[in-house]
């Protein structure tokens, strides 16, 4: 099984071969190649990447909330 690491930038788990240690003010953190490459692009492309990632994060949160709601409904029945 492939080792998965958490990307602090896009907040998703990726395969280790898609990750690099990235220096931040708070030390080294794992960051995916996709987010590193997106940061190197021009301002408009970075904004588009950010909007896309925000939409993905919102959808993930919505699905988790819906799942938790369903579990609560089952527990109450």
Protein backbone atom coordinates (compact mmCIF):
# COMPACT_ATOMS: atom_id res chain seq x y z
CA UNK A 1 0.00 0.00 0.00
CA UNK A 2 1.24 3.48 -0.85
CA UNK A 3 2.22 5.69 2.06
CA UNK A 4 -0.08 8.71 2.23
CA UNK A 5 0.88 12.12 3.62
CA UNK A 6 -1.29 15.10 4.50
CA UNK A 7 -0.77 18.29 2.46
CA UNK A 8 -1.08 21.30 4.77
CA UNK A 9 -1.87 23.55 1.78
CA UNK A 10 -4.81 21.77 0.13
CA UNK A 11 -5.66 19.67 3.23
CA UNK A 12 -5.84 16.37 1.34
CA UNK A 13 -3.88 13.12 1.67
CA UNK A 14 -1.60 12.33 -1.29
CA UNK A 15 0.86 9.56 -2.12
CA UNK A 16 4.32 10.25 -0.70
CA UNK A 17 5.85 10.45 -4.20
CA UNK A 18 3.54 13.44 -4.93
CA UNK A 19 4.74 15.33 -1.85
CA UNK A 20 7.72 17.49 -0.91
CA UNK A 21 8.87 18.90 2.41
CA UNK A 22 8.26 22.63 2.25
CA UNK A 23 9.80 25.14 4.63
CA UNK A 24 7.35 27.45 6.41
CA UNK A 25 7.72 29.95 9.26
CA UNK A 26 6.65 27.18 11.63
CA UNK A 27 9.07 24.55 10.36
CA UNK A 28 8.91 22.00 7.58
CA UNK A 29 5.56 20.69 6.38
CA UNK A 30 4.47 18.36 3.62
CA UNK A 31 3.04 20.01 0.53
CA UNK A 32 1.83 18.39 -2.70
CA UNK A 33 3.48 19.09 -6.04
CA UNK A 34 0.17 20.35 -7.44
CA UNK A 35 -0.05 23.16 -4.88
CA UNK A 36 3.65 24.04 -5.26
CA UNK A 37 3.27 24.32 -9.04
CA UNK A 38 0.06 26.33 -8.67
CA UNK A 39 1.87 28.82 -6.39
CA UNK A 40 4.45 29.45 -9.12
CA UNK A 41 1.85 30.54 -11.67
CA UNK A 42 0.64 34.05 -12.31
CA UNK A 43 -1.86 35.78 -10.04
CA UNK A 44 -4.99 34.89 -12.03
CA UNK A 45 -4.10 31.21 -12.24
CA UNK A 46 -3.32 31.11 -8.51
CA UNK A 47 -6.69 32.64 -7.75
CA UNK A 48 -8.41 30.08 -9.99
CA UNK A 49 -6.58 27.26 -8.19
CA UNK A 50 -7.64 28.72 -4.84
CA UNK A 51 -11.28 28.96 -5.91
CA UNK A 52 -11.19 25.37 -7.16
CA UNK A 53 -9.64 24.13 -3.92
CA UNK A 54 -12.19 26.10 -1.85
CA UNK A 55 -15.02 24.49 -3.81
CA UNK A 56 -13.53 21.02 -3.19
CA UNK A 57 -13.14 21.74 0.54
CA UNK A 58 -16.72 23.01 0.82
CA UNK A 59 -18.06 19.93 -0.94
CA UNK A 60 -16.06 17.66 1.37
CA UNK A 61 -17.37 19.51 4.43
CA UNK A 62 -20.94 19.37 3.11
CA UNK A 63 -20.70 15.61 2.56
CA UNK A 64 -19.23 15.07 6.04
CA UNK A 65 -22.02 17.13 7.62
CA UNK A 66 -24.66 15.20 5.68
CA UNK A 67 -23.11 11.89 6.70
CA UNK A 68 -23.02 12.94 10.37
CA UNK A 69 -26.64 14.09 10.18
CA UNK A 70 -27.66 10.69 8.79
CA UNK A 71 -25.77 8.90 11.55
CA UNK A 72 -27.53 11.02 14.18
CA UNK A 73 -30.89 10.22 12.59
CA UNK A 74 -30.12 6.51 12.73
CA UNK A 75 -28.98 6.74 16.35
CA UNK A 76 -32.18 8.53 17.37
CA UNK A 77 -34.46 5.95 15.69
